[in-house]
Amino acid sequence: MPGDKYLIYIRGNTLDEATEEAIHLTYWLLTRALLEHRRQGRNGDFEAFAIEVLASLQKYRHLYTTNSPELSDAEWPALTAPKRHR
């Protein structure tokens, strides 16, 4: 649509492949949103929600990720403790 900043297109030959791509995209977008909230000092309910969802996605990654040498565990972004703003 005109004026949209984001257009999400997911490719996959199977439903499993499309789901995997969607979850990886969700992880990436949620991480970016969390970092932006922290940068702006807007900690709170969203931060708790984001960290909980990201932790669940990381914990169950083996269920939705195909075995691929593309990403190792060390390459997945690690979240640091929330920054305190005064």
Protein backbone atom coordinates (compact mmCIF):
# COMPACT_ATOMS: atom_id res chain seq x y z
CA MET A 1 0.00 0.00 0.00
CA PRO A 2 1.23 3.53 -0.67
CA GLY A 3 3.11 5.05 2.23
CA ASP A 4 3.83 1.76 4.00
CA LYS A 5 7.28 1.48 5.53
CA TYR A 6 7.31 -2.29 5.73
CA LEU A 7 6.12 -4.90 3.30
CA ILE A 8 6.62 -8.47 4.43
CA TYR A 9 6.91 -11.20 1.85
CA ILE A 10 7.69 -14.75 2.96
CA ARG A 11 8.82 -17.45 0.56
CA GLY A 12 8.69 -21.16 1.15
CA ASN A 13 8.04 -24.31 -0.82
CA THR A 14 6.12 -25.82 2.10
CA LEU A 15 4.07 -24.56 5.00
CA ASP A 16 6.92 -25.59 7.34
CA GLU A 17 9.43 -23.51 5.38
CA ALA A 18 7.13 -20.48 5.33
CA THR A 19 6.46 -20.85 9.06
CA GLU A 20 10.18 -21.07 9.80
CA GLU A 21 10.83 -17.91 7.80
CA ALA A 22 7.95 -16.10 9.52
CA ILE A 23 9.26 -17.01 12.97
CA HIS A 24 12.80 -15.91 12.09
CA LEU A 25 11.39 -12.63 10.81
CA THR A 26 9.34 -12.23 13.99
CA TYR A 27 12.47 -12.80 16.08
CA TRP A 28 14.39 -10.20 14.10
CA LEU A 29 11.62 -7.58 14.18
CA LEU A 30 10.91 -8.09 17.88
CA THR A 31 14.62 -7.77 18.69
CA ARG A 32 14.82 -4.52 16.69
CA ALA A 33 11.69 -3.14 18.40
CA LEU A 34 13.06 -4.05 21.84
CA LEU A 35 16.36 -2.33 21.12
CA GLU A 36 14.52 0.77 19.89
CA HIS A 37 12.35 0.85 23.02
CA ARG A 38 15.47 0.59 25.17
CA ARG A 39 17.24 3.30 23.18
CA GLN A 40 14.29 5.62 23.78
CA GLY A 41 14.13 4.70 27.47
CA ARG A 42 10.65 3.19 27.13
CA ASN A 43 11.14 0.16 29.34
CA GLY A 44 8.13 -1.53 30.83
CA ASP A 45 5.46 -4.00 29.83
CA PHE A 46 6.61 -4.19 26.20
CA GLU A 47 10.14 -5.04 27.27
CA ALA A 48 8.93 -7.84 29.55
CA PHE A 49 6.69 -9.16 26.76
CA ALA A 50 9.46 -9.01 24.13
CA ILE A 51 12.04 -10.73 26.32
CA GLU A 52 9.60 -13.50 27.21
CA VAL A 53 8.65 -14.13 23.56
CA LEU A 54 12.28 -14.02 22.39
CA ALA A 55 13.30 -16.43 25.15
CA SER A 56 10.54 -18.85 24.13
CA LEU A 57 11.54 -18.64 20.47
CA GLN A 58 15.16 -19.30 21.39
CA LYS A 59 14.24 -22.17 23.72
CA TYR A 60 12.11 -23.93 21.09
CA ARG A 61 14.21 -23.01 18.07
CA HIS A 62 15.03 -26.67 17.48
CA LEU A 63 11.33 -27.31 16.77
CA TYR A 64 10.91 -24.79 13.99
CA THR A 65 14.38 -24.51 12.46
CA THR A 66 15.67 -26.91 9.86
CA ASN A 67 19.21 -28.13 10.24
CA SER A 68 21.17 -25.55 8.34
CA PRO A 69 24.81 -24.53 8.62
CA GLU A 70 23.80 -20.93 7.87
CA LEU A 71 23.32 -19.86 11.51
CA SER A 72 25.11 -21.22 14.53
CA ASP A 73 23.85 -20.72 18.08
CA ALA A 74 26.57 -18.11 18.61
CA GLU A 75 25.23 -16.03 15.70
CA TRP A 76 21.76 -15.61 17.21
CA PRO A 77 21.49 -12.27 19.01
CA ALA A 78 21.89 -12.48 22.76
CA LEU A 79 19.86 -10.08 24.88
CA THR A 80 21.56 -8.21 27.65
CA ALA A 81 20.03 -7.16 30.92
CA PRO A 82 17.71 -4.16 30.66
CA LYS A 83 19.47 -0.83 30.81
CA ARG A 84 18.38 1.43 33.65
CA HIS A 85 17.61 5.02 32.69
CA ARG A 86 17.51 7.75 35.29
